[in-house]
């Protein structure tokens, strides 16, 4: 009986050691991958900064035949071709505020406490 317990404990120790070794390997693999990805991110950020540089944009525009205008021009806008939904009326005050406005409106002779129309 004691031998079985001793063998079981030894197997458990070996299994635990193997699991710890595997976890350590995975941690090192993930750290290496993280380092590579961070280096790649830095490189891509550098490339993006170079592409977005004003001098690069100006040079690309010039190769496309664009240039600085001799004078400013304004183009008049046109009506929107999109059918817009009608504006919704402003929400009315609710609760206690609505009651107070109704009382004030009654006192001053206006319905709902609204401002007089010009």
PDB file of N, CA and C in Angstrom:
ATOM      1  N   UNK A   1       0.822  -1.187   0.000  1.00  0.00           N
ATOM      2  CA  UNK A   1       0.000   0.000   0.000  1.00  0.00           C
ATOM      3  C   UNK A   1       0.875   1.264   0.000  1.00  0.00           C
ATOM      4  N   UNK A   2       1.941   1.255   0.799  1.00  0.00           N
ATOM      5  CA  UNK A   2       2.846   2.405   0.866  1.00  0.00           C
ATOM      6  C   UNK A   2       3.565   2.638  -0.443  1.00  0.00           C
ATOM      7  N   UNK A   3       3.857   1.551  -1.164  1.00  0.00           N
ATOM      8  CA  UNK A   3       4.550   1.681  -2.445  1.00  0.00           C
ATOM      9  C   UNK A   3       3.662   2.367  -3.475  1.00  0.00           C
ATOM     10  N   UNK A   4       2.377   2.056  -3.429  1.00  0.00           N
ATOM     11  CA  UNK A   4       1.428   2.667  -4.371  1.00  0.00           C
ATOM     12  C   UNK A   4       1.343   4.171  -4.126  1.00  0.00           C
ATOM     13  N   UNK A   5       1.305   4.571  -2.875  1.00  0.00           N
ATOM     14  CA  UNK A   5       1.242   5.994  -2.536  1.00  0.00           C
ATOM     15  C   UNK A   5       2.526   6.689  -2.977  1.00  0.00           C
ATOM     16  N   UNK A   6       3.674   6.029  -2.758  1.00  0.00           N
ATOM     17  CA  UNK A   6       4.956   6.605  -3.143  1.00  0.00           C
ATOM     18  C   UNK A   6       5.059   6.754  -4.655  1.00  0.00           C
ATOM     19  N   UNK A   7       4.634   5.738  -5.399  1.00  0.00           N
ATOM     20  CA  UNK A   7       4.657   5.797  -6.868  1.00  0.00           C
ATOM     21  C   UNK A   7       3.678   6.867  -7.371  1.00  0.00           C
ATOM     22  N   UNK A   8       2.504   6.939  -6.754  1.00  0.00           N
ATOM     23  CA  UNK A   8       1.514   7.962  -7.150  1.00  0.00           C
ATOM     24  C   UNK A   8       2.061   9.361  -6.905  1.00  0.00           C
ATOM     25  N   UNK A   9       2.720   9.565  -5.768  1.00  0.00           N
ATOM     26  CA  UNK A   9       3.294  10.878  -5.465  1.00  0.00           C
ATOM     27  C   UNK A   9       4.397  11.221  -6.448  1.00  0.00           C
ATOM     28  N   UNK A  10       5.219  10.224  -6.811  1.00  0.00           N
ATOM     29  CA  UNK A  10       6.298  10.459  -7.779  1.00  0.00           C
ATOM     30  C   UNK A  10       5.724  10.818  -9.147  1.00  0.00           C
ATOM     31  N   UNK A  11       4.688  10.101  -9.572  1.00  0.00           N
ATOM     32  CA  UNK A  11       4.044  10.398 -10.864  1.00  0.00           C
ATOM     33  C   UNK A  11       3.399  11.783 -10.850  1.00  0.00           C
ATOM     34  N   UNK A  12       2.791  12.138  -9.743  1.00  0.00           N
ATOM     35  CA  UNK A  12       2.179  13.459  -9.619  1.00  0.00           C
ATOM     36  C   UNK A  12       3.239  14.544  -9.707  1.00  0.00           C
ATOM     37  N   UNK A  13       4.400  14.310  -9.066  1.00  0.00           N
ATOM     38  CA  UNK A  13       5.495  15.278  -9.121  1.00  0.00           C
ATOM     39  C   UNK A  13       6.033  15.419 -10.538  1.00  0.00           C
ATOM     40  N   UNK A  14       6.182  14.317 -11.253  1.00  0.00           N
ATOM     41  CA  UNK A  14       6.651  14.351 -12.635  1.00  0.00           C
ATOM     42  C   UNK A  14       5.644  15.074 -13.531  1.00  0.00           C
ATOM     43  N   UNK A  15       4.367  14.780 -13.336  1.00  0.00           N
ATOM     44  CA  UNK A  15       3.325  15.434 -14.144  1.00  0.00           C
ATOM     45  C   UNK A  15       3.292  16.939 -13.875  1.00  0.00           C
ATOM     46  N   UNK A  16       3.438  17.316 -12.613  1.00  0.00           N
ATOM     47  CA  UNK A  16       3.439  18.736 -12.265  1.00  0.00           C
ATOM     48  C   UNK A  16       4.663  19.432 -12.843  1.00  0.00           C
ATOM     49  N   UNK A  17       5.800  18.774 -12.784  1.00  0.00           N
ATOM     50  CA  UNK A  17       7.023  19.346 -13.351  1.00  0.00           C
ATOM     51  C   UNK A  17       6.895  19.511 -14.861  1.00  0.00           C
ATOM     52  N   UNK A  18       6.307  18.533 -15.528  1.00  0.00           N
ATOM     53  CA  UNK A  18       6.101  18.615 -16.985  1.00  0.00           C
ATOM     54  C   UNK A  18       5.152  19.757 -17.327  1.00  0.00           C
ATOM     55  N   UNK A  19       4.096  19.920 -16.550  1.00  0.00           N
ATOM     56  CA  UNK A  19       3.143  21.009 -16.804  1.00  0.00           C
ATOM     57  C   UNK A  19       3.808  22.361 -16.600  1.00  0.00           C
ATOM     58  N   UNK A  20       4.638  22.471 -15.569  1.00  0.00           N
ATOM     59  CA  UNK A  20       5.331  23.739 -15.313  1.00  0.00           C
ATOM     60  C   UNK A  20       6.316  24.047 -16.436  1.00  0.00           C
ATOM     61  N   UNK A  21       7.011  23.018 -16.919  1.00  0.00           N
ATOM     62  CA  UNK A  21       7.960  23.217 -18.026  1.00  0.00           C
ATOM     63  C   UNK A  21       7.220  23.659 -19.284  1.00  0.00           C
ATOM     64  N   UNK A  22       6.093  23.034 -19.566  1.00  0.00           N
ATOM     65  CA  UNK A  22       5.307  23.408 -20.747  1.00  0.00           C
ATOM     66  C   UNK A  22       4.782  24.833 -20.617  1.00  0.00           C
ATOM     67  N   UNK A  23       4.296  25.213 -19.442  1.00  0.00           N
ATOM     68  CA  UNK A  23       3.805  26.577 -19.236  1.00  0.00           C
ATOM     69  C   UNK A  23       4.931  27.584 -19.403  1.00  0.00           C
ATOM     70  N   UNK A  24       6.126  27.249 -18.899  1.00  0.00           N
ATOM     71  CA  UNK A  24       7.276  28.133 -19.045  1.00  0.00           C
ATOM     72  C   UNK A  24       7.642  28.315 -20.518  1.00  0.00           C
ATOM     73  N   UNK A  25       7.595  27.212 -21.275  1.00  0.00           N
ATOM     74  CA  UNK A  25       7.864  27.285 -22.708  1.00  0.00           C
ATOM     75  C   UNK A  25       6.845  28.179 -23.414  1.00  0.00           C
ATOM     76  N   UNK A  26       5.573  28.027 -23.079  1.00  0.00           N
ATOM     77  CA  UNK A  26       4.530  28.848 -23.690  1.00  0.00           C
ATOM     78  C   UNK A  26       4.713  30.322 -23.342  1.00  0.00           C
ATOM     79  N   UNK A  27       5.090  30.609 -22.097  1.00  0.00           N
ATOM     80  CA  UNK A  27       5.311  32.000 -21.684  1.00  0.00           C
ATOM     81  C   UNK A  27       6.443  32.608 -22.493  1.00  0.00           C
ATOM     82  N   UNK A  28       7.552  31.854 -22.649  1.00  0.00           N
ATOM     83  CA  UNK A  28       8.681  32.372 -23.430  1.00  0.00           C
ATOM     84  C   UNK A  28       8.308  32.581 -24.890  1.00  0.00           C
ATOM     85  N   UNK A  29       7.531  31.660 -25.439  1.00  0.00           N
ATOM     86  CA  UNK A  29       7.081  31.794 -26.827  1.00  0.00           C
ATOM     87  C   UNK A  29       6.212  33.040 -26.996  1.00  0.00           C
ATOM     88  N   UNK A  30       5.303  33.272 -26.050  1.00  0.00           N
ATOM     89  CA  UNK A  30       4.421  34.438 -26.133  1.00  0.00           C
ATOM     90  C   UNK A  30       5.193  35.745 -25.934  1.00  0.00           C
ATOM     91  N   UNK A  31       6.198  35.736 -25.069  1.00  0.00           N
ATOM     92  CA  UNK A  31       7.020  36.937 -24.877  1.00  0.00           C
ATOM     93  C   UNK A  31       7.798  37.269 -26.144  1.00  0.00           C
ATOM     94  N   UNK A  32       8.339  36.233 -26.809  1.00  0.00           N
ATOM     95  CA  UNK A  32       9.043  36.461 -28.075  1.00  0.00           C
ATOM     96  C   UNK A  32       8.100  37.021 -29.131  1.00  0.00           C
ATOM     97  N   UNK A  33       6.917  36.452 -29.200  1.00  0.00           N
ATOM     98  CA  UNK A  33       5.926  36.927 -30.180  1.00  0.00           C
ATOM     99  C   UNK A  33       5.530  38.371 -29.885  1.00  0.00           C
ATOM    100  N   UNK A  34       5.352  38.700 -28.606  1.00  0.00           N
ATOM    101  CA  UNK A  34       5.004  40.064 -28.227  1.00  0.00           C
ATOM    102  C   UNK A  34       6.110  41.035 -28.641  1.00  0.00           C
ATOM    103  N   UNK A  35       7.360  40.644 -28.422  1.00  0.00           N
ATOM    104  CA  UNK A  35       8.483  41.506 -28.795  1.00  0.00           C
ATOM    105  C   UNK A  35       8.514  41.730 -30.308  1.00  0.00           C
ATOM    106  N   UNK A  36       8.276  40.657 -31.083  1.00  0.00           N
ATOM    107  CA  UNK A  36       8.243  40.804 -32.549  1.00  0.00           C
ATOM    108  C   UNK A  36       7.106  41.716 -32.987  1.00  0.00           C
ATOM    109  N   UNK A  37       5.936  41.548 -32.378  1.00  0.00           N
ATOM    110  CA  UNK A  37       4.781  42.372 -32.759  1.00  0.00           C
ATOM    111  C   UNK A  37       4.992  43.833 -32.385  1.00  0.00           C
ATOM    112  N   UNK A  38       5.610  44.086 -31.238  1.00  0.00           N
ATOM    113  CA  UNK A  38       5.895  45.477 -30.852  1.00  0.00           C
ATOM    114  C   UNK A  38       6.895  46.110 -31.806  1.00  0.00           C
ATOM    115  N   UNK A  39       7.906  45.352 -32.235  1.00  0.00           N
ATOM    116  CA  UNK A  39       8.870  45.873 -33.205  1.00  0.00           C
ATOM    117  C   UNK A  39       8.186  46.165 -34.538  1.00  0.00           C
ATOM    118  N   UNK A  40       7.295  45.260 -34.952  1.00  0.00           N
ATOM    119  CA  UNK A  40       6.556  45.479 -36.198  1.00  0.00           C
ATOM    120  C   UNK A  40       5.651  46.702 -36.094  1.00  0.00           C
ATOM    121  N   UNK A  41       5.017  46.889 -34.934  1.00  0.00           N
ATOM    122  CA  UNK A  41       4.159  48.055 -34.733  1.00  0.00           C
ATOM    123  C   UNK A  41       4.978  49.341 -34.825  1.00  0.00           C
ATOM    124  N   UNK A  42       6.151  49.354 -34.206  1.00  0.00           N
ATOM    125  CA  UNK A  42       7.019  50.535 -34.285  1.00  0.00           C
ATOM    126  C   UNK A  42       7.407  50.833 -35.727  1.00  0.00           C
ATOM    127  N   UNK A  43       7.736  49.778 -36.479  1.00  0.00           N
ATOM    128  CA  UNK A  43       8.112  49.964 -37.881  1.00  0.00           C
ATOM    129  C   UNK A  43       6.938  50.512 -38.688  1.00  0.00           C
ATOM    130  N   UNK A  44       5.754  49.979 -38.463  1.00  0.00           N
ATOM    131  CA  UNK A  44       4.575  50.455 -39.200  1.00  0.00           C
ATOM    132  C   UNK A  44       4.218  51.886 -38.828  1.00  0.00           C
ATOM    133  N   UNK A  45       4.373  52.241 -37.545  1.00  0.00           N
ATOM    134  CA  UNK A  45       4.115  53.627 -37.130  1.00  0.00           C
ATOM    135  C   UNK A  45       5.094  54.574 -37.825  1.00  0.00           C
ATOM    136  N   UNK A  46       6.345  54.147 -37.949  1.00  0.00           N
ATOM    137  CA  UNK A  46       7.350  54.967 -38.626  1.00  0.00           C
ATOM    138  C   UNK A  46       7.000  55.137 -40.103  1.00  0.00           C
ATOM    139  N   UNK A  47       6.607  54.047 -40.751  1.00  0.00           N
ATOM    140  CA  UNK A  47       6.215  54.135 -42.159  1.00  0.00           C
ATOM    141  C   UNK A  47       4.995  55.033 -42.333  1.00  0.00           C
ATOM    142  N   UNK A  48       4.038  54.939 -41.431  1.00  0.00           N
ATOM    143  CA  UNK A  48       2.841  55.770 -41.514  1.00  0.00           C
ATOM    144  C   UNK A  48       3.194  57.240 -41.362  1.00  0.00           C
ATOM    145  N   UNK A  49       4.094  57.544 -40.442  1.00  0.00           N
ATOM    146  CA  UNK A  49       4.513  58.936 -40.256  1.00  0.00           C
ATOM    147  C   UNK A  49       5.203  59.462 -41.510  1.00  0.00           C
ATOM    148  N   UNK A  50       5.994  58.622 -42.166  1.00  0.00           N
ATOM    149  CA  UNK A  50       6.671  59.046 -43.398  1.00  0.00           C
ATOM    150  C   UNK A  50       5.674  59.296 -44.518  1.00  0.00           C
ATOM    151  N   UNK A  51       4.680  58.429 -44.634  1.00  0.00           N
ATOM    152  CA  UNK A  51       3.685  58.571 -45.705  1.00  0.00           C
ATOM    153  C   UNK A  51       2.814  59.794 -45.479  1.00  0.00           C
ATOM    154  N   UNK A  52       2.522  60.100 -44.204  1.00  0.00           N
ATOM    155  CA  UNK A  52       1.650  61.233 -43.902  1.00  0.00           C
ATOM    156  C   UNK A  52       2.396  62.560 -43.843  1.00  0.00           C
ATOM    157  N   UNK A  53       3.688  62.548 -44.019  1.00  0.00           N
ATOM    158  CA  UNK A  53       4.470  63.782 -43.929  1.00  0.00           C
ATOM    159  C   UNK A  53       3.980  64.776 -44.986  1.00  0.00           C
ATOM    160  N   UNK A  54       3.845  66.051 -44.608  1.00  0.00           N
ATOM    161  CA  UNK A  54       3.348  67.053 -45.558  1.00  0.00           C
ATOM    162  C   UNK A  54       4.185  67.133 -46.833  1.00  0.00           C
ATOM    163  N   UNK A  55       5.490  66.996 -46.725  1.00  0.00           N
ATOM    164  CA  UNK A  55       6.327  67.079 -47.928  1.00  0.00           C
ATOM    165  C   UNK A  55       6.041  65.911 -48.865  1.00  0.00           C
ATOM    166  N   UNK A  56       5.767  64.744 -48.311  1.00  0.00           N
ATOM    167  CA  UNK A  56       5.450  63.567 -49.128  1.00  0.00           C
ATOM    168  C   UNK A  56       4.103  63.752 -49.819  1.00  0.00           C
ATOM    169  N   UNK A  57       3.132  64.285 -49.104  1.00  0.00           N
ATOM    170  CA  UNK A  57       1.810  64.517 -49.689  1.00  0.00           C
ATOM    171  C   UNK A  57       1.918  65.563 -50.802  1.00  0.00           C
ATOM    172  N   UNK A  58       2.694  66.619 -50.559  1.00  0.00           N
ATOM    173  CA  UNK A  58       2.859  67.665 -51.577  1.00  0.00           C
ATOM    174  C   UNK A  58       3.549  67.114 -52.818  1.00  0.00           C
ATOM    175  N   UNK A  59       4.560  66.273 -52.635  1.00  0.00           N
ATOM    176  CA  UNK A  59       5.260  65.690 -53.783  1.00  0.00           C
ATOM    177  C   UNK A  59       4.334  64.767 -54.571  1.00  0.00           C
ATOM    178  N   UNK A  60       3.535  63.966 -53.864  1.00  0.00           N
ATOM    179  CA  UNK A  60       2.595  63.081 -54.554  1.00  0.00           C
ATOM    180  C   UNK A  60       1.550  63.886 -55.318  1.00  0.00           C
ATOM    181  N   UNK A  61       1.073  64.970 -54.729  1.00  0.00           N
ATOM    182  CA  UNK A  61       0.090  65.817 -55.413  1.00  0.00           C
ATOM    183  C   UNK A  61       0.698  66.455 -56.657  1.00  0.00           C
ATOM    184  N   UNK A  62       1.948  66.839 -56.560  1.00  0.00           N
ATOM    185  CA  UNK A  62       2.611  67.473 -57.703  1.00  0.00           C
ATOM    186  C   UNK A  62       2.782  66.476 -58.846  1.00  0.00           C
ATOM    187  N   UNK A  63       3.103  65.220 -58.539  1.00  0.00           N
ATOM    188  CA  UNK A  63       3.233  64.216 -59.601  1.00  0.00           C
ATOM    189  C   UNK A  63       1.886  63.922 -60.256  1.00  0.00           C
ATOM    190  N   UNK A  64       0.803  64.194 -59.549  1.00  0.00           N
ATOM    191  CA  UNK A  64      -0.534  64.006 -60.125  1.00  0.00           C
ATOM    192  C   UNK A  64      -1.014  65.238 -60.875  1.00  0.00           C
ATOM    193  N   UNK A  65      -0.155  66.255 -60.977  1.00  0.00           N
ATOM    194  CA  UNK A  65      -0.517  67.454 -61.709  1.00  0.00           C
ATOM    195  C   UNK A  65      -1.193  68.509 -60.859  1.00  0.00           C
ATOM    196  N   UNK A  66      -1.195  68.328 -59.577  1.00  0.00           N
ATOM    197  CA  UNK A  66      -1.801  69.317 -58.687  1.00  0.00           C
ATOM    198  C   UNK A  66      -0.741  70.312 -58.256  1.00  0.00           C
ATOM    199  N   UNK A  67      -1.181  71.487 -57.888  1.00  0.00           N
ATOM    200  CA  UNK A  67      -0.247  72.510 -57.423  1.00  0.00           C
ATOM    201  C   UNK A  67      -0.972  73.542 -56.592  1.00  0.00           C
ATOM    202  N   UNK A  68      -0.220  74.503 -56.091  1.00  0.00           N
ATOM    203  CA  UNK A  68      -0.799  75.584 -55.311  1.00  0.00           C
ATOM    204  C   UNK A  68      -1.599  76.496 -56.236  1.00  0.00           C
ATOM    205  N   UNK A  69      -2.787  76.883 -55.844  1.00  0.00           N
ATOM    206  CA  UNK A  69      -3.577  77.769 -56.710  1.00  0.00           C
ATOM    207  C   UNK A  69      -2.970  79.171 -56.748  1.00  0.00           C
ATOM    208  N   UNK A  70      -3.144  79.833 -57.891  1.00  0.00           N
ATOM    209  CA  UNK A  70      -2.652  81.202 -58.033  1.00  0.00           C
ATOM    210  C   UNK A  70      -3.514  82.163 -57.219  1.00  0.00           C
ATOM    211  N   UNK A  71      -4.793  81.842 -57.093  1.00  0.00           N
ATOM    212  CA  UNK A  71      -5.703  82.653 -56.285  1.00  0.00           C
ATOM    213  C   UNK A  71      -6.750  81.725 -55.693  1.00  0.00           C
ATOM    214  N   UNK A  72      -7.400  82.210 -54.658  1.00  0.00           N
ATOM    215  CA  UNK A  72      -8.434  81.410 -54.007  1.00  0.00           C
ATOM    216  C   UNK A  72      -9.708  81.425 -54.820  1.00  0.00           C
ATOM    217  N   UNK A  73     -10.406  80.328 -54.831  1.00  0.00           N
ATOM    218  CA  UNK A  73     -11.696  80.243 -55.481  1.00  0.00           C
ATOM    219  C   UNK A  73     -12.672  79.588 -54.515  1.00  0.00           C
ATOM    220  N   UNK A  74     -13.882  80.070 -54.529  1.00  0.00           N
ATOM    221  CA  UNK A  74     -14.935  79.491 -53.704  1.00  0.00           C
ATOM    222  C   UNK A  74     -15.991  78.900 -54.616  1.00  0.00           C
ATOM    223  N   UNK A  75     -16.396  77.702 -54.333  1.00  0.00           N
ATOM    224  CA  UNK A  75     -17.409  77.023 -55.127  1.00  0.00           C
ATOM    225  C   UNK A  75     -18.718  77.103 -54.356  1.00  0.00           C
ATOM    226  N   UNK A  76     -19.759  77.653 -54.989  1.00  0.00           N
ATOM    227  CA  UNK A  76     -21.037  77.742 -54.267  1.00  0.00           C
ATOM    228  C   UNK A  76     -21.609  76.348 -54.026  1.00  0.00           C
ATOM    229  N   UNK A  77     -22.203  76.184 -52.869  1.00  0.00           N
ATOM    230  CA  UNK A  77     -22.808  74.897 -52.521  1.00  0.00           C
ATOM    231  C   UNK A  77     -24.133  74.703 -53.226  1.00  0.00           C
ATOM    232  N   UNK A  78     -24.561  73.481 -53.336  1.00  0.00           N
ATOM    233  CA  UNK A  78     -25.852  73.170 -53.945  1.00  0.00           C
ATOM    234  C   UNK A  78     -26.729  72.526 -52.884  1.00  0.00           C
ATOM    235  N   UNK A  79     -27.994  72.428 -53.211  1.00  0.00           N
ATOM    236  CA  UNK A  79     -28.940  71.806 -52.291  1.00  0.00           C
ATOM    237  C   UNK A  79     -28.598  70.326 -52.136  1.00  0.00           C
ATOM    238  N   UNK A  80     -28.908  69.793 -51.004  1.00  0.00           N
ATOM    239  CA  UNK A  80     -28.606  68.397 -50.721  1.00  0.00           C
ATOM    240  C   UNK A  80     -29.531  67.492 -51.530  1.00  0.00           C
ATOM    241  N   UNK A  81     -28.968  66.511 -52.254  1.00  0.00           N
ATOM    242  CA  UNK A  81     -29.827  65.586 -53.001  1.00  0.00           C
ATOM    243  C   UNK A  81     -30.438  64.517 -52.092  1.00  0.00           C
ATOM    244  N   UNK A  82     -30.103  64.554 -50.833  1.00  0.00           N
ATOM    245  CA  UNK A  82     -30.604  63.548 -49.899  1.00  0.00           C
ATOM    246  C   UNK A  82     -31.903  64.049 -49.290  1.00  0.00           C
ATOM    247  N   UNK A  83     -32.920  63.206 -49.271  1.00  0.00           N
ATOM    248  CA  UNK A  83     -34.192  63.567 -48.653  1.00  0.00           C
ATOM    249  C   UNK A  83     -34.037  63.419 -47.142  1.00  0.00           C
ATOM    250  N   UNK A  84     -34.011  64.534 -46.451  1.00  0.00           N
ATOM    251  CA  UNK A  84     -33.839  64.514 -45.007  1.00  0.00           C
ATOM    252  C   UNK A  84     -35.188  64.376 -44.316  1.00  0.00           C
ATOM    253  N   UNK A  85     -35.195  63.724 -43.189  1.00  0.00           N
ATOM    254  CA  UNK A  85     -36.423  63.557 -42.411  1.00  0.00           C
ATOM    255  C   UNK A  85     -36.809  64.901 -41.810  1.00  0.00           C
ATOM    256  N   UNK A  86     -38.105  65.148 -41.630  1.00  0.00           N
ATOM    257  CA  UNK A  86     -38.510  66.426 -41.029  1.00  0.00           C
ATOM    258  C   UNK A  86     -38.012  66.488 -39.584  1.00  0.00           C
ATOM    259  N   UNK A  87     -37.761  67.715 -39.137  1.00  0.00           N
ATOM    260  CA  UNK A  87     -37.288  67.897 -37.772  1.00  0.00           C
ATOM    261  C   UNK A  87     -38.374  67.502 -36.789  1.00  0.00           C
ATOM    262  N   UNK A  88     -37.975  66.887 -35.719  1.00  0.00           N
ATOM    263  CA  UNK A  88     -38.907  66.505 -34.668  1.00  0.00           C
ATOM    264  C   UNK A  88     -39.085  67.686 -33.733  1.00  0.00           C
ATOM    265  N   UNK A  89     -40.286  67.863 -33.226  1.00  0.00           N
ATOM    266  CA  UNK A  89     -40.473  68.961 -32.270  1.00  0.00           C
ATOM    267  C   UNK A  89     -39.696  68.675 -30.996  1.00  0.00           C
ATOM    268  N   UNK A  90     -39.282  69.750 -30.329  1.00  0.00           N
ATOM    269  CA  UNK A  90     -38.538  69.607 -29.084  1.00  0.00           C
ATOM    270  C   UNK A  90     -39.413  68.906 -28.052  1.00  0.00           C
ATOM    271  N   UNK A  91     -38.813  68.028 -27.258  1.00  0.00           N
ATOM    272  CA  UNK A  91     -39.623  67.335 -26.247  1.00  0.00           C
ATOM    273  C   UNK A  91     -40.145  68.318 -25.216  1.00  0.00           C
ATOM    274  N   UNK A  92     -41.357  68.081 -24.799  1.00  0.00           N
ATOM    275  CA  UNK A  92     -41.978  68.966 -23.806  1.00  0.00           C
ATOM    276  C   UNK A  92     -41.505  68.563 -22.430  1.00  0.00           C
ATOM    277  N   UNK A  93     -41.479  69.519 -21.549  1.00  0.00           N
ATOM    278  CA  UNK A  93     -41.070  69.251 -20.181  1.00  0.00           C
ATOM    279  C   UNK A  93     -42.069  68.309 -19.536  1.00  0.00           C
ATOM    280  N   UNK A  94     -41.596  67.409 -18.699  1.00  0.00           N
ATOM    281  CA  UNK A  94     -42.496  66.451 -18.085  1.00  0.00           C
ATOM    282  C   UNK A  94     -42.433  66.523 -16.576  1.00  0.00           C
ATOM    283  N   UNK A  95     -43.352  65.865 -15.923  1.00  0.00           N
ATOM    284  CA  UNK A  95     -43.335  65.747 -14.474  1.00  0.00           C
ATOM    285  C   UNK A  95     -43.662  67.049 -13.775  1.00  0.00           C
ATOM    286  N   UNK A  96     -42.923  67.334 -12.727  1.00  0.00           N
ATOM    287  CA  UNK A  96     -43.159  68.509 -11.887  1.00  0.00           C
ATOM    288  C   UNK A  96     -42.970  69.787 -12.685  1.00  0.00           C
ATOM    289  N   UNK A  97     -41.961  69.813 -13.558  1.00  0.00           N
ATOM    290  CA  UNK A  97     -41.696  71.015 -14.344  1.00  0.00           C
ATOM    291  C   UNK A  97     -42.888  71.355 -15.239  1.00  0.00           C
ATOM    292  N   UNK A  98     -43.532  70.347 -15.821  1.00  0.00           N
ATOM    293  CA  UNK A  98     -44.701  70.597 -16.667  1.00  0.00           C
ATOM    294  C   UNK A  98     -45.838  71.205 -15.847  1.00  0.00           C
ATOM    295  N   UNK A  99     -46.018  70.698 -14.622  1.00  0.00           N
ATOM    296  CA  UNK A  99     -47.057  71.247 -13.756  1.00  0.00           C
ATOM    297  C   UNK A  99     -46.786  72.693 -13.384  1.00  0.00           C
ATOM    298  N   UNK A 100     -45.532  73.001 -13.049  1.00  0.00           N
ATOM    299  CA  UNK A 100     -45.153  74.377 -12.693  1.00  0.00           C
ATOM    300  C   UNK A 100     -45.370  75.297 -13.890  1.00  0.00           C
ATOM    301  N   UNK A 101     -44.974  74.853 -15.079  1.00  0.00           N
ATOM    302  CA  UNK A 101     -45.161  75.688 -16.276  1.00  0.00           C
ATOM    303  C   UNK A 101     -46.637  75.905 -16.573  1.00  0.00           C
ATOM    304  N   UNK A 102     -47.452  74.890 -16.356  1.00  0.00           N
ATOM    305  CA  UNK A 102     -48.892  75.044 -16.590  1.00  0.00           C
ATOM    306  C   UNK A 102     -49.490  76.053 -15.622  1.00  0.00           C
ATOM    307  N   UNK A 103     -49.089  76.017 -14.348  1.00  0.00           N
ATOM    308  CA  UNK A 103     -49.604  76.964 -13.359  1.00  0.00           C
ATOM    309  C   UNK A 103     -49.153  78.380 -13.698  1.00  0.00           C
ATOM    310  N   UNK A 104     -47.858  78.536 -14.031  1.00  0.00           N
ATOM    311  CA  UNK A 104     -47.352  79.865 -14.388  1.00  0.00           C
ATOM    312  C   UNK A 104     -48.040  80.364 -15.639  1.00  0.00           C
ATOM    313  N   UNK A 105     -48.252  79.470 -16.605  1.00  0.00           N
ATOM    314  CA  UNK A 105     -48.937  79.868 -17.831  1.00  0.00           C
ATOM    315  C   UNK A 105     -50.360  80.314 -17.563  1.00  0.00           C
ATOM    316  N   UNK A 106     -51.039  79.656 -16.653  1.00  0.00           N
ATOM    317  CA  UNK A 106     -52.405  80.032 -16.296  1.00  0.00           C
ATOM    318  C   UNK A 106     -52.424  81.396 -15.624  1.00  0.00           C
ATOM    319  N   UNK A 107     -51.440  81.629 -14.763  1.00  0.00           N
ATOM    320  CA  UNK A 107     -51.378  82.909 -14.043  1.00  0.00           C
ATOM    321  C   UNK A 107     -51.144  84.063 -14.997  1.00  0.00           C
ATOM    322  N   UNK A 108     -50.238  83.869 -15.952  1.00  0.00           N
ATOM    323  CA  UNK A 108     -49.925  84.968 -16.866  1.00  0.00           C
ATOM    324  C   UNK A 108     -50.793  84.957 -18.111  1.00  0.00           C
ATOM    325  N   UNK A 109     -51.675  83.976 -18.254  1.00  0.00           N
ATOM    326  CA  UNK A 109     -52.645  83.982 -19.337  1.00  0.00           C
ATOM    327  C   UNK A 109     -52.175  83.280 -20.581  1.00  0.00           C
ATOM    328  N   UNK A 110     -51.193  82.394 -20.498  1.00  0.00           N
ATOM    329  CA  UNK A 110     -50.721  81.657 -21.667  1.00  0.00           C
ATOM    330  C   UNK A 110     -50.886  80.171 -21.392  1.00  0.00           C
ATOM    331  N   UNK A 111     -51.256  79.431 -22.415  1.00  0.00           N
ATOM    332  CA  UNK A 111     -51.426  78.000 -22.231  1.00  0.00           C
ATOM    333  C   UNK A 111     -50.062  77.300 -22.250  1.00  0.00           C
ATOM    334  N   UNK A 112     -49.812  76.445 -21.276  1.00  0.00           N
ATOM    335  CA  UNK A 112     -48.574  75.676 -21.244  1.00  0.00           C
ATOM    336  C   UNK A 112     -47.362  76.470 -20.860  1.00  0.00           C
ATOM    337  N   UNK A 113     -47.492  77.729 -20.465  1.00  0.00           N
ATOM    338  CA  UNK A 113     -46.362  78.528 -20.056  1.00  0.00           C
ATOM    339  C   UNK A 113     -45.419  78.869 -21.190  1.00  0.00           C
ATOM    340  N   UNK A 114     -45.926  78.873 -22.424  1.00  0.00           N
ATOM    341  CA  UNK A 114     -45.060  79.135 -23.562  1.00  0.00           C
ATOM    342  C   UNK A 114     -44.850  80.636 -23.723  1.00  0.00           C
ATOM    343  N   UNK A 115     -43.762  80.997 -24.349  1.00  0.00           N
ATOM    344  CA  UNK A 115     -43.446  82.418 -24.583  1.00  0.00           C
ATOM    345  C   UNK A 115     -44.429  82.983 -25.592  1.00  0.00           C
ATOM    346  N   UNK A 116     -44.744  84.271 -25.468  1.00  0.00           N
ATOM    347  CA  UNK A 116     -45.677  84.880 -26.421  1.00  0.00           C
ATOM    348  C   UNK A 116     -45.068  84.927 -27.816  1.00  0.00           C
ATOM    349  N   UNK A 117     -45.918  84.782 -28.824  1.00  0.00           N
ATOM    350  CA  UNK A 117     -45.424  84.871 -30.201  1.00  0.00           C
ATOM    351  C   UNK A 117     -45.324  86.324 -30.609  1.00  0.00           C
ATOM    352  N   UNK A 118     -44.318  86.697 -31.365  1.00  0.00           N
ATOM    353  CA  UNK A 118     -44.090  88.108 -31.753  1.00  0.00           C
ATOM    354  C   UNK A 118     -45.120  88.640 -32.689  1.00  0.00           C
TER     355      UNK A 118
END
